[in-house]
N, C-alpha and C. Protein backbone atom coordinates (compact mmCIF):
# COMPACT_ATOMS: atom_id res chain seq x y z
N MET A 1 0.85 -1.20 0.00
CA MET A 1 0.00 0.00 0.00
C MET A 1 0.88 1.25 0.00
N ILE A 2 0.47 2.25 -0.77
CA ILE A 2 1.16 3.54 -0.78
C ILE A 2 0.51 4.41 0.29
N ALA A 3 1.21 4.60 1.43
CA ALA A 3 0.62 5.31 2.58
C ALA A 3 0.73 6.82 2.45
N SER A 4 1.70 7.31 1.67
CA SER A 4 1.85 8.76 1.49
C SER A 4 2.71 9.04 0.28
N VAL A 5 2.59 10.25 -0.23
CA VAL A 5 3.47 10.71 -1.31
C VAL A 5 4.00 12.08 -0.90
N ALA A 6 5.25 12.34 -1.23
CA ALA A 6 5.86 13.63 -0.91
C ALA A 6 6.74 14.05 -2.07
N GLY A 7 6.57 15.27 -2.50
CA GLY A 7 7.36 15.78 -3.62
C GLY A 7 6.82 17.11 -4.08
N GLN A 8 7.31 17.55 -5.21
CA GLN A 8 6.88 18.84 -5.75
C GLN A 8 5.56 18.69 -6.50
N VAL A 9 4.67 19.64 -6.30
CA VAL A 9 3.38 19.63 -7.00
C VAL A 9 3.60 20.08 -8.44
N ALA A 10 3.32 19.19 -9.39
CA ALA A 10 3.54 19.48 -10.80
C ALA A 10 2.32 20.08 -11.47
N ALA A 11 1.14 19.72 -11.00
CA ALA A 11 -0.10 20.22 -11.62
C ALA A 11 -1.25 20.07 -10.64
N ILE A 12 -2.25 20.95 -10.79
CA ILE A 12 -3.46 20.88 -9.97
C ILE A 12 -4.66 21.02 -10.90
N GLY A 13 -5.61 20.10 -10.78
CA GLY A 13 -6.84 20.16 -11.55
C GLY A 13 -8.02 20.35 -10.63
N PRO A 14 -9.24 20.34 -11.16
CA PRO A 14 -10.43 20.54 -10.34
C PRO A 14 -10.64 19.47 -9.28
N ASP A 15 -10.20 18.23 -9.55
CA ASP A 15 -10.43 17.16 -8.58
C ASP A 15 -9.21 16.28 -8.34
N SER A 16 -8.04 16.69 -8.82
CA SER A 16 -6.84 15.89 -8.64
C SER A 16 -5.59 16.76 -8.74
N ALA A 17 -4.47 16.18 -8.32
CA ALA A 17 -3.18 16.86 -8.43
C ALA A 17 -2.14 15.84 -8.88
N VAL A 18 -1.06 16.34 -9.45
CA VAL A 18 0.07 15.49 -9.82
C VAL A 18 1.25 15.89 -8.95
N VAL A 19 1.77 14.90 -8.21
CA VAL A 19 2.91 15.13 -7.33
C VAL A 19 4.09 14.32 -7.88
N GLU A 20 5.21 15.00 -8.13
CA GLU A 20 6.39 14.31 -8.65
C GLU A 20 7.14 13.63 -7.51
N VAL A 21 7.28 12.33 -7.61
CA VAL A 21 7.97 11.54 -6.59
C VAL A 21 9.07 10.74 -7.28
N GLY A 22 10.31 11.12 -7.04
CA GLY A 22 11.43 10.41 -7.65
C GLY A 22 11.40 10.42 -9.17
N GLY A 23 10.96 11.54 -9.74
CA GLY A 23 10.90 11.65 -11.20
C GLY A 23 9.64 11.08 -11.82
N VAL A 24 8.74 10.55 -10.99
CA VAL A 24 7.48 9.98 -11.50
C VAL A 24 6.32 10.85 -11.04
N GLY A 25 5.45 11.21 -11.96
CA GLY A 25 4.28 12.02 -11.62
C GLY A 25 3.15 11.14 -11.12
N MET A 26 2.77 11.31 -9.87
CA MET A 26 1.70 10.51 -9.26
C MET A 26 0.40 11.31 -9.31
N LEU A 27 -0.61 10.76 -9.99
CA LEU A 27 -1.92 11.41 -10.05
C LEU A 27 -2.70 11.02 -8.79
N VAL A 28 -3.09 12.04 -8.04
CA VAL A 28 -3.75 11.80 -6.76
C VAL A 28 -5.10 12.52 -6.75
N HIS A 29 -6.17 11.79 -6.53
CA HIS A 29 -7.51 12.39 -6.44
C HIS A 29 -7.71 12.95 -5.04
N CYS A 30 -8.19 14.18 -4.96
CA CYS A 30 -8.30 14.87 -3.66
C CYS A 30 -9.62 15.62 -3.53
N THR A 31 -9.95 15.99 -2.31
CA THR A 31 -11.10 16.87 -2.07
C THR A 31 -10.71 18.30 -2.44
N PRO A 32 -11.69 19.16 -2.72
CA PRO A 32 -11.36 20.57 -3.00
C PRO A 32 -10.59 21.23 -1.87
N GLY A 33 -10.91 20.86 -0.61
CA GLY A 33 -10.21 21.45 0.51
C GLY A 33 -8.73 21.10 0.52
N THR A 34 -8.40 19.85 0.18
CA THR A 34 -7.00 19.44 0.11
C THR A 34 -6.29 20.14 -1.04
N LEU A 35 -6.96 20.22 -2.19
CA LEU A 35 -6.37 20.87 -3.36
C LEU A 35 -6.10 22.35 -3.09
N ALA A 36 -6.96 22.97 -2.29
CA ALA A 36 -6.80 24.40 -2.01
C ALA A 36 -5.52 24.68 -1.23
N GLY A 37 -5.00 23.66 -0.54
CA GLY A 37 -3.77 23.85 0.22
C GLY A 37 -2.50 23.57 -0.57
N LEU A 38 -2.63 23.17 -1.83
CA LEU A 38 -1.47 22.86 -2.67
C LEU A 38 -1.12 24.03 -3.57
N ARG A 39 0.13 24.13 -3.93
CA ARG A 39 0.60 25.17 -4.85
C ARG A 39 1.55 24.54 -5.87
N VAL A 40 1.33 24.82 -7.14
CA VAL A 40 2.19 24.28 -8.20
C VAL A 40 3.62 24.76 -7.98
N GLY A 41 4.56 23.83 -8.05
CA GLY A 41 5.97 24.17 -7.89
C GLY A 41 6.46 24.11 -6.46
N GLU A 42 5.56 23.90 -5.51
CA GLU A 42 5.95 23.83 -4.11
C GLU A 42 5.88 22.39 -3.60
N PRO A 43 6.66 22.06 -2.58
CA PRO A 43 6.64 20.70 -2.04
C PRO A 43 5.35 20.43 -1.27
N ALA A 44 4.94 19.18 -1.25
CA ALA A 44 3.73 18.81 -0.53
C ALA A 44 3.84 17.37 -0.06
N ARG A 45 3.14 17.06 1.01
CA ARG A 45 3.02 15.68 1.47
C ARG A 45 1.56 15.37 1.66
N LEU A 46 1.11 14.27 1.06
CA LEU A 46 -0.27 13.85 1.19
C LEU A 46 -0.33 12.44 1.75
N ALA A 47 -1.19 12.25 2.74
CA ALA A 47 -1.50 10.89 3.17
C ALA A 47 -2.35 10.27 2.06
N THR A 48 -2.10 9.03 1.71
CA THR A 48 -2.78 8.45 0.55
C THR A 48 -3.40 7.09 0.84
N SER A 49 -4.37 6.75 0.03
CA SER A 49 -5.02 5.45 0.08
C SER A 49 -5.10 4.93 -1.34
N LEU A 50 -4.56 3.74 -1.58
CA LEU A 50 -4.57 3.15 -2.92
C LEU A 50 -5.74 2.20 -3.04
N VAL A 51 -6.60 2.46 -4.02
CA VAL A 51 -7.76 1.60 -4.26
C VAL A 51 -7.46 0.74 -5.49
N VAL A 52 -7.46 -0.56 -5.28
CA VAL A 52 -7.10 -1.50 -6.34
C VAL A 52 -8.35 -2.15 -6.93
N ARG A 53 -8.49 -2.04 -8.22
CA ARG A 53 -9.56 -2.71 -8.95
C ARG A 53 -8.95 -3.57 -10.05
N GLU A 54 -9.74 -4.44 -10.64
CA GLU A 54 -9.22 -5.33 -11.67
C GLU A 54 -8.61 -4.56 -12.84
N ASP A 55 -9.21 -3.42 -13.15
CA ASP A 55 -8.76 -2.67 -14.33
C ASP A 55 -8.12 -1.32 -13.98
N SER A 56 -7.87 -1.06 -12.69
CA SER A 56 -7.30 0.25 -12.36
C SER A 56 -6.64 0.25 -10.98
N LEU A 57 -5.71 1.18 -10.84
CA LEU A 57 -5.10 1.49 -9.55
C LEU A 57 -5.31 2.99 -9.34
N THR A 58 -6.08 3.37 -8.35
CA THR A 58 -6.43 4.77 -8.15
C THR A 58 -5.93 5.23 -6.79
N LEU A 59 -5.22 6.36 -6.80
CA LEU A 59 -4.63 6.89 -5.58
C LEU A 59 -5.43 8.11 -5.11
N TYR A 60 -5.83 8.08 -3.85
CA TYR A 60 -6.58 9.19 -3.25
C TYR A 60 -5.69 9.86 -2.20
N GLY A 61 -5.67 11.19 -2.19
CA GLY A 61 -4.78 11.91 -1.30
C GLY A 61 -5.52 12.81 -0.33
N PHE A 62 -4.92 12.98 0.86
CA PHE A 62 -5.57 13.74 1.94
C PHE A 62 -4.57 14.61 2.68
N ALA A 63 -5.08 15.69 3.23
CA ALA A 63 -4.22 16.63 3.93
C ALA A 63 -3.74 16.08 5.27
N SER A 64 -4.44 15.08 5.81
CA SER A 64 -4.05 14.53 7.11
C SER A 64 -4.28 13.03 7.15
N ASP A 65 -3.59 12.37 8.09
CA ASP A 65 -3.78 10.93 8.28
C ASP A 65 -5.19 10.63 8.78
N ASP A 66 -5.75 11.55 9.57
CA ASP A 66 -7.10 11.36 10.09
C ASP A 66 -8.13 11.34 8.96
N GLU A 67 -7.96 12.25 8.00
CA GLU A 67 -8.89 12.30 6.87
C GLU A 67 -8.81 11.00 6.07
N ARG A 68 -7.60 10.49 5.88
CA ARG A 68 -7.45 9.21 5.17
C ARG A 68 -8.11 8.07 5.95
N ALA A 69 -7.93 8.06 7.27
CA ALA A 69 -8.52 7.00 8.08
C ALA A 69 -10.04 7.00 7.97
N VAL A 70 -10.65 8.20 8.00
CA VAL A 70 -12.10 8.31 7.87
C VAL A 70 -12.53 7.87 6.48
N PHE A 71 -11.78 8.26 5.45
CA PHE A 71 -12.06 7.84 4.07
C PHE A 71 -12.15 6.31 3.98
N GLU A 72 -11.21 5.63 4.60
CA GLU A 72 -11.17 4.17 4.53
C GLU A 72 -12.29 3.54 5.37
N LEU A 73 -12.60 4.13 6.52
CA LEU A 73 -13.68 3.61 7.35
C LEU A 73 -15.04 3.79 6.68
N LEU A 74 -15.23 4.90 5.99
CA LEU A 74 -16.51 5.15 5.31
C LEU A 74 -16.82 4.04 4.31
N GLN A 75 -15.79 3.50 3.69
CA GLN A 75 -15.99 2.48 2.68
C GLN A 75 -16.37 1.11 3.24
N THR A 76 -16.34 0.98 4.56
CA THR A 76 -16.79 -0.27 5.17
C THR A 76 -18.31 -0.33 5.25
N ALA A 77 -18.98 0.79 4.98
CA ALA A 77 -20.44 0.81 4.96
C ALA A 77 -20.94 0.32 3.61
N SER A 78 -22.03 -0.40 3.61
CA SER A 78 -22.60 -0.93 2.38
C SER A 78 -22.96 0.19 1.42
N GLY A 79 -22.55 0.06 0.17
CA GLY A 79 -22.91 1.03 -0.85
C GLY A 79 -22.01 2.25 -0.90
N VAL A 80 -20.99 2.32 -0.05
CA VAL A 80 -20.08 3.46 -0.06
C VAL A 80 -18.75 3.04 -0.68
N GLY A 81 -18.48 3.55 -1.88
CA GLY A 81 -17.22 3.30 -2.56
C GLY A 81 -16.29 4.47 -2.38
N PRO A 82 -15.11 4.41 -2.98
CA PRO A 82 -14.14 5.50 -2.79
C PRO A 82 -14.61 6.86 -3.27
N ARG A 83 -15.33 6.92 -4.39
CA ARG A 83 -15.77 8.22 -4.90
C ARG A 83 -16.82 8.85 -3.99
N LEU A 84 -17.73 8.03 -3.47
CA LEU A 84 -18.74 8.56 -2.55
C LEU A 84 -18.09 8.97 -1.24
N ALA A 85 -17.14 8.18 -0.76
CA ALA A 85 -16.42 8.53 0.47
C ALA A 85 -15.69 9.86 0.29
N LEU A 86 -15.08 10.06 -0.88
CA LEU A 86 -14.39 11.33 -1.15
C LEU A 86 -15.39 12.48 -1.20
N ALA A 87 -16.56 12.24 -1.79
CA ALA A 87 -17.60 13.27 -1.85
C ALA A 87 -18.06 13.65 -0.44
N MET A 88 -18.15 12.67 0.45
CA MET A 88 -18.55 12.95 1.82
C MET A 88 -17.53 13.85 2.51
N LEU A 89 -16.25 13.62 2.23
CA LEU A 89 -15.20 14.44 2.83
C LEU A 89 -15.07 15.79 2.13
N ALA A 90 -15.61 15.90 0.93
CA ALA A 90 -15.63 17.20 0.25
C ALA A 90 -16.68 18.11 0.86
N VAL A 91 -17.75 17.52 1.38
CA VAL A 91 -18.84 18.30 1.96
C VAL A 91 -18.63 18.53 3.46
N HIS A 92 -18.11 17.51 4.16
CA HIS A 92 -17.96 17.59 5.61
C HIS A 92 -16.52 17.28 6.04
N THR A 93 -16.09 17.88 7.11
CA THR A 93 -14.81 17.52 7.71
C THR A 93 -14.94 16.15 8.36
N PRO A 94 -13.82 15.49 8.67
CA PRO A 94 -13.90 14.21 9.38
C PRO A 94 -14.71 14.31 10.68
N ASP A 95 -14.48 15.36 11.46
CA ASP A 95 -15.23 15.49 12.72
C ASP A 95 -16.71 15.77 12.48
N ALA A 96 -17.02 16.50 11.42
CA ALA A 96 -18.43 16.75 11.10
C ALA A 96 -19.13 15.44 10.77
N LEU A 97 -18.43 14.55 10.07
CA LEU A 97 -19.01 13.24 9.76
C LEU A 97 -19.17 12.39 11.02
N ARG A 98 -18.19 12.47 11.91
CA ARG A 98 -18.30 11.73 13.17
C ARG A 98 -19.53 12.19 13.96
N ILE A 99 -19.71 13.50 14.01
CA ILE A 99 -20.84 14.05 14.76
C ILE A 99 -22.16 13.70 14.08
N ALA A 100 -22.20 13.78 12.76
CA ALA A 100 -23.43 13.46 12.02
C ALA A 100 -23.83 12.01 12.22
N VAL A 101 -22.86 11.12 12.18
CA VAL A 101 -23.15 9.69 12.36
C VAL A 101 -23.54 9.41 13.81
N ALA A 102 -22.80 9.97 14.75
CA ALA A 102 -23.08 9.72 16.17
C ALA A 102 -24.45 10.24 16.59
N SER A 103 -24.87 11.37 15.98
CA SER A 103 -26.15 11.98 16.34
C SER A 103 -27.28 11.60 15.39
N ALA A 104 -26.97 10.70 14.45
CA ALA A 104 -27.96 10.27 13.44
C ALA A 104 -28.54 11.47 12.70
N ASP A 105 -27.68 12.39 12.32
CA ASP A 105 -28.11 13.60 11.60
C ASP A 105 -28.27 13.26 10.11
N ILE A 106 -29.43 12.74 9.78
CA ILE A 106 -29.71 12.30 8.41
C ILE A 106 -29.64 13.48 7.44
N LYS A 107 -30.11 14.64 7.87
CA LYS A 107 -30.11 15.81 6.99
C LYS A 107 -28.69 16.18 6.56
N ALA A 108 -27.75 16.12 7.51
CA ALA A 108 -26.37 16.46 7.19
C ALA A 108 -25.79 15.46 6.19
N LEU A 109 -26.09 14.19 6.37
CA LEU A 109 -25.54 13.17 5.48
C LEU A 109 -26.15 13.25 4.08
N THR A 110 -27.42 13.60 3.98
CA THR A 110 -28.05 13.69 2.66
C THR A 110 -27.66 14.95 1.91
N MET A 111 -26.87 15.83 2.54
CA MET A 111 -26.31 16.98 1.83
C MET A 111 -25.27 16.52 0.81
N VAL A 112 -24.76 15.30 0.98
CA VAL A 112 -23.75 14.76 0.07
C VAL A 112 -24.44 14.20 -1.17
N PRO A 113 -24.07 14.65 -2.37
CA PRO A 113 -24.67 14.11 -3.59
C PRO A 113 -24.46 12.60 -3.67
N GLY A 114 -25.54 11.87 -3.94
CA GLY A 114 -25.45 10.42 -4.04
C GLY A 114 -25.92 9.69 -2.79
N ILE A 115 -26.22 10.44 -1.72
CA ILE A 115 -26.71 9.82 -0.50
C ILE A 115 -28.16 10.25 -0.26
N GLY A 116 -29.07 9.28 -0.29
CA GLY A 116 -30.46 9.54 0.00
C GLY A 116 -30.76 9.21 1.46
N GLN A 117 -32.02 9.30 1.83
CA GLN A 117 -32.38 9.08 3.23
C GLN A 117 -32.08 7.66 3.67
N LYS A 118 -32.42 6.67 2.85
CA LYS A 118 -32.16 5.29 3.23
C LYS A 118 -30.67 5.01 3.32
N GLY A 119 -29.93 5.58 2.38
CA GLY A 119 -28.48 5.41 2.42
C GLY A 119 -27.88 6.03 3.67
N ALA A 120 -28.38 7.20 4.04
CA ALA A 120 -27.88 7.88 5.25
C ALA A 120 -28.19 7.05 6.49
N GLN A 121 -29.40 6.49 6.54
CA GLN A 121 -29.77 5.66 7.68
C GLN A 121 -28.88 4.43 7.78
N ARG A 122 -28.56 3.84 6.64
CA ARG A 122 -27.68 2.67 6.63
C ARG A 122 -26.27 3.02 7.11
N ILE A 123 -25.79 4.19 6.66
CA ILE A 123 -24.46 4.64 7.08
C ILE A 123 -24.41 4.84 8.58
N VAL A 124 -25.44 5.46 9.15
CA VAL A 124 -25.49 5.67 10.60
C VAL A 124 -25.48 4.33 11.32
N LEU A 125 -26.28 3.40 10.85
CA LEU A 125 -26.39 2.09 11.50
C LEU A 125 -25.06 1.34 11.46
N GLU A 126 -24.37 1.40 10.31
CA GLU A 126 -23.17 0.59 10.14
C GLU A 126 -21.90 1.25 10.67
N LEU A 127 -21.90 2.59 10.79
CA LEU A 127 -20.66 3.27 11.17
C LEU A 127 -20.68 3.91 12.55
N LYS A 128 -21.80 3.88 13.25
CA LYS A 128 -21.90 4.62 14.51
C LYS A 128 -20.88 4.17 15.55
N ASP A 129 -20.43 2.92 15.46
CA ASP A 129 -19.45 2.44 16.43
C ASP A 129 -18.03 2.37 15.85
N LYS A 130 -17.85 2.89 14.63
CA LYS A 130 -16.55 2.77 13.97
C LYS A 130 -15.78 4.08 13.85
N LEU A 131 -16.48 5.20 13.65
CA LEU A 131 -15.80 6.46 13.38
C LEU A 131 -15.17 7.08 14.62
N GLY A 132 -15.70 6.75 15.80
CA GLY A 132 -15.12 7.28 17.02
C GLY A 132 -15.58 8.69 17.34
N ALA A 133 -14.98 9.26 18.39
CA ALA A 133 -15.34 10.60 18.84
C ALA A 133 -14.63 11.66 18.01
N PRO A 134 -15.19 12.87 17.94
CA PRO A 134 -14.53 13.96 17.21
C PRO A 134 -13.13 14.22 17.73
N VAL A 135 -12.21 14.48 16.81
CA VAL A 135 -10.82 14.74 17.18
C VAL A 135 -10.65 16.18 17.63
N ALA A 136 -11.32 17.10 16.94
CA ALA A 136 -11.23 18.54 17.26
C ALA A 136 -12.54 19.01 17.86
N ALA A 137 -12.61 20.29 18.10
CA ALA A 137 -13.83 20.87 18.67
C ALA A 137 -14.97 20.79 17.68
N ALA A 138 -16.18 20.74 18.21
CA ALA A 138 -17.36 20.63 17.34
C ALA A 138 -17.55 21.86 16.48
N GLY A 139 -16.83 22.93 16.75
CA GLY A 139 -16.95 24.15 15.95
C GLY A 139 -16.50 23.96 14.53
N ALA A 140 -15.81 22.84 14.25
CA ALA A 140 -15.33 22.60 12.90
C ALA A 140 -16.41 22.05 11.99
N VAL A 141 -17.61 21.76 12.53
CA VAL A 141 -18.66 21.14 11.74
C VAL A 141 -19.10 22.07 10.62
N ARG A 142 -19.23 21.48 9.41
CA ARG A 142 -19.68 22.27 8.27
C ARG A 142 -21.00 21.69 7.79
N THR A 143 -22.07 21.95 8.50
CA THR A 143 -23.36 21.43 8.09
C THR A 143 -24.37 22.55 8.03
N GLY A 144 -25.47 22.29 7.32
CA GLY A 144 -26.53 23.29 7.21
C GLY A 144 -26.25 24.28 6.10
N ALA A 145 -27.30 24.92 5.61
CA ALA A 145 -27.14 25.83 4.48
C ALA A 145 -26.48 27.14 4.87
N SER A 146 -26.57 27.54 6.14
CA SER A 146 -26.06 28.85 6.54
C SER A 146 -24.58 29.04 6.26
N PRO A 147 -23.68 28.07 6.67
CA PRO A 147 -22.27 28.30 6.42
C PRO A 147 -21.82 27.90 5.03
N ALA A 148 -22.74 27.36 4.22
CA ALA A 148 -22.32 26.79 2.94
C ALA A 148 -21.69 27.83 2.02
N GLN A 149 -22.26 29.04 1.98
CA GLN A 149 -21.76 30.03 1.05
C GLN A 149 -20.32 30.44 1.35
N PRO A 150 -19.96 30.82 2.61
CA PRO A 150 -18.57 31.18 2.85
C PRO A 150 -17.61 30.02 2.60
N VAL A 151 -18.04 28.80 2.88
CA VAL A 151 -17.16 27.65 2.65
C VAL A 151 -16.83 27.52 1.18
N TRP A 152 -17.82 27.55 0.30
CA TRP A 152 -17.52 27.37 -1.12
C TRP A 152 -16.72 28.55 -1.65
N ARG A 153 -17.03 29.76 -1.18
CA ARG A 153 -16.30 30.93 -1.66
C ARG A 153 -14.80 30.81 -1.34
N ASP A 154 -14.51 30.46 -0.09
CA ASP A 154 -13.11 30.36 0.32
C ASP A 154 -12.38 29.27 -0.45
N GLN A 155 -13.05 28.13 -0.64
CA GLN A 155 -12.38 27.00 -1.29
C GLN A 155 -12.17 27.25 -2.78
N VAL A 156 -13.16 27.83 -3.46
CA VAL A 156 -13.00 28.13 -4.88
C VAL A 156 -11.91 29.18 -5.06
N HIS A 157 -11.92 30.20 -4.22
CA HIS A 157 -10.91 31.25 -4.30
C HIS A 157 -9.51 30.66 -4.08
N SER A 158 -9.35 29.85 -3.04
CA SER A 158 -8.05 29.24 -2.75
C SER A 158 -7.60 28.32 -3.88
N GLY A 159 -8.56 27.58 -4.45
CA GLY A 159 -8.23 26.69 -5.55
C GLY A 159 -7.71 27.44 -6.77
N LEU A 160 -8.33 28.57 -7.08
CA LEU A 160 -7.91 29.38 -8.23
C LEU A 160 -6.52 29.98 -8.00
N VAL A 161 -6.31 30.48 -6.79
CA VAL A 161 -4.99 31.04 -6.46
C VAL A 161 -3.93 29.94 -6.54
N GLY A 162 -4.29 28.74 -6.08
CA GLY A 162 -3.36 27.62 -6.15
C GLY A 162 -3.02 27.23 -7.58
N LEU A 163 -3.94 27.50 -8.50
CA LEU A 163 -3.70 27.21 -9.92
C LEU A 163 -2.91 28.31 -10.60
N GLY A 164 -2.58 29.38 -9.88
CA GLY A 164 -1.73 30.42 -10.43
C GLY A 164 -2.42 31.73 -10.77
N TYR A 165 -3.72 31.83 -10.54
CA TYR A 165 -4.43 33.07 -10.83
C TYR A 165 -4.21 34.08 -9.70
N SER A 166 -4.30 35.34 -10.04
CA SER A 166 -4.14 36.38 -9.02
C SER A 166 -5.37 36.41 -8.12
N SER A 167 -5.21 37.00 -6.95
CA SER A 167 -6.32 37.09 -6.01
C SER A 167 -7.46 37.91 -6.62
N ARG A 168 -7.12 38.94 -7.40
CA ARG A 168 -8.15 39.77 -8.03
C ARG A 168 -8.94 38.96 -9.06
N ASP A 169 -8.23 38.18 -9.90
CA ASP A 169 -8.91 37.34 -10.88
C ASP A 169 -9.81 36.31 -10.18
N ALA A 170 -9.30 35.76 -9.08
CA ALA A 170 -10.07 34.77 -8.33
C ALA A 170 -11.34 35.41 -7.77
N ASP A 171 -11.22 36.64 -7.25
CA ASP A 171 -12.39 37.34 -6.72
C ASP A 171 -13.45 37.53 -7.80
N GLU A 172 -13.01 37.91 -8.99
CA GLU A 172 -13.95 38.15 -10.09
C GLU A 172 -14.63 36.86 -10.53
N ALA A 173 -13.86 35.78 -10.58
CA ALA A 173 -14.42 34.49 -10.99
C ALA A 173 -15.42 33.98 -9.95
N VAL A 174 -15.10 34.16 -8.67
CA VAL A 174 -16.01 33.75 -7.60
C VAL A 174 -17.32 34.53 -7.70
N ALA A 175 -17.21 35.82 -7.98
CA ALA A 175 -18.42 36.63 -8.14
C ALA A 175 -19.25 36.16 -9.33
N ALA A 176 -18.56 35.72 -10.39
CA ALA A 176 -19.26 35.29 -11.60
C ALA A 176 -20.03 33.99 -11.39
N VAL A 177 -19.56 33.13 -10.50
CA VAL A 177 -20.25 31.85 -10.30
C VAL A 177 -21.15 31.87 -9.05
N SER A 178 -21.25 33.02 -8.39
CA SER A 178 -22.06 33.09 -7.17
C SER A 178 -23.53 32.78 -7.43
N ALA A 179 -24.03 33.18 -8.60
CA ALA A 179 -25.44 32.90 -8.91
C ALA A 179 -25.69 31.40 -8.99
N GLU A 180 -24.72 30.67 -9.55
CA GLU A 180 -24.83 29.21 -9.65
C GLU A 180 -24.89 28.59 -8.25
N ALA A 181 -24.02 29.08 -7.36
CA ALA A 181 -24.01 28.57 -5.98
C ALA A 181 -25.30 28.92 -5.25
N GLU A 182 -25.76 30.14 -5.43
CA GLU A 182 -26.97 30.58 -4.73
C GLU A 182 -28.20 29.80 -5.21
N ALA A 183 -28.20 29.40 -6.48
CA ALA A 183 -29.30 28.59 -7.00
C ALA A 183 -29.32 27.22 -6.32
N GLU A 184 -28.12 26.66 -6.09
CA GLU A 184 -28.03 25.37 -5.40
C GLU A 184 -28.55 25.50 -3.96
N ILE A 185 -28.16 26.57 -3.28
CA ILE A 185 -28.59 26.79 -1.90
C ILE A 185 -30.11 26.97 -1.85
N ALA A 186 -30.65 27.73 -2.80
CA ALA A 186 -32.09 27.97 -2.84
C ALA A 186 -32.86 26.68 -3.05
N ALA A 187 -32.24 25.72 -3.74
CA ALA A 187 -32.89 24.43 -4.01
C ALA A 187 -32.68 23.45 -2.86
N GLY A 188 -32.01 23.90 -1.80
CA GLY A 188 -31.78 23.04 -0.65
C GLY A 188 -30.58 22.12 -0.78
N ARG A 189 -29.73 22.43 -1.76
CA ARG A 189 -28.54 21.60 -1.98
C ARG A 189 -27.28 22.37 -1.57
N THR A 190 -26.22 21.62 -1.29
CA THR A 190 -24.93 22.23 -0.96
C THR A 190 -24.16 22.51 -2.24
N PRO A 191 -23.68 23.74 -2.45
CA PRO A 191 -22.88 24.04 -3.64
C PRO A 191 -21.66 23.12 -3.70
N GLN A 192 -21.44 22.50 -4.85
CA GLN A 192 -20.31 21.59 -5.02
C GLN A 192 -19.09 22.37 -5.50
N VAL A 193 -18.06 22.38 -4.67
CA VAL A 193 -16.89 23.19 -4.95
C VAL A 193 -16.22 22.79 -6.26
N ALA A 194 -16.12 21.49 -6.52
CA ALA A 194 -15.47 21.04 -7.75
C ALA A 194 -16.19 21.58 -8.99
N ALA A 195 -17.53 21.54 -8.98
CA ALA A 195 -18.31 22.04 -10.12
C ALA A 195 -18.16 23.55 -10.25
N LEU A 196 -18.16 24.25 -9.12
CA LEU A 196 -18.01 25.72 -9.15
C LEU A 196 -16.62 26.11 -9.62
N LEU A 197 -15.62 25.32 -9.23
CA LEU A 197 -14.25 25.60 -9.68
C LEU A 197 -14.14 25.45 -11.19
N LYS A 198 -14.79 24.42 -11.73
CA LYS A 198 -14.78 24.24 -13.19
C LYS A 198 -15.45 25.42 -13.89
N SER A 199 -16.57 25.88 -13.33
CA SER A 199 -17.28 27.02 -13.91
C SER A 199 -16.40 28.28 -13.84
N ALA A 200 -15.71 28.45 -12.71
CA ALA A 200 -14.84 29.62 -12.56
C ALA A 200 -13.69 29.58 -13.56
N LEU A 201 -13.15 28.40 -13.81
CA LEU A 201 -12.07 28.26 -14.79
C LEU A 201 -12.56 28.59 -16.19
N ARG A 202 -13.81 28.19 -16.49
CA ARG A 202 -14.37 28.54 -17.81
C ARG A 202 -14.51 30.05 -17.94
N VAL A 203 -14.93 30.71 -16.87
CA VAL A 203 -15.06 32.17 -16.88
C VAL A 203 -13.71 32.82 -17.17
N LEU A 204 -12.67 32.36 -16.51
CA LEU A 204 -11.35 32.94 -16.68
C LEU A 204 -10.75 32.62 -18.04
N SER A 205 -11.14 31.48 -18.63
CA SER A 205 -10.54 31.09 -19.92
C SER A 205 -11.03 31.93 -21.08
N VAL A 206 -12.19 32.59 -20.92
CA VAL A 206 -12.74 33.40 -22.03
C VAL A 206 -12.45 34.87 -21.84
N ARG A 207 -11.69 35.20 -20.81
CA ARG A 207 -11.36 36.62 -20.60
C ARG A 207 -10.30 37.08 -21.56
């Protein structure tokens, strides 16, 4: 198993990064929050989890060992694969997921695209004794529609700056996609940072 990768960041995309390790570019799939902390040309270390399938080897990267541990535990629940586990960590912090599962907060879990009410109930039933207690203070929880807007704004802005755009360009792109995010919030959904980042990149590409 590849437990971590460390090297210079060669490229950053909307949902993955390439880290050069010993002259080899390792493609690592990450959450928007993890990607926002990377900078092209700078060194980085990511905790990783290698998912082996008959036709593929896929590497997932995380900013912390705790995030990786939660990613792997989530997949022990029926119907939760690596992509859904990554989506859960894109919407909620590890501690937010611990709190949601421990308190049977179905609403928080169904904020994740691909998780319905029955799926959320199954996750609570199967993981309530596995995720453990929150590591940090409960103030880190990112649930509910109220904090959703500042979270996506900060992450999209950081992602654009990490891709090499100026802070001013990032501000303009964030403003341009705000209507898209607000429409998601109005519909009762959580704005997806990866989708908003792609929209922001399209805005900047036609300038």
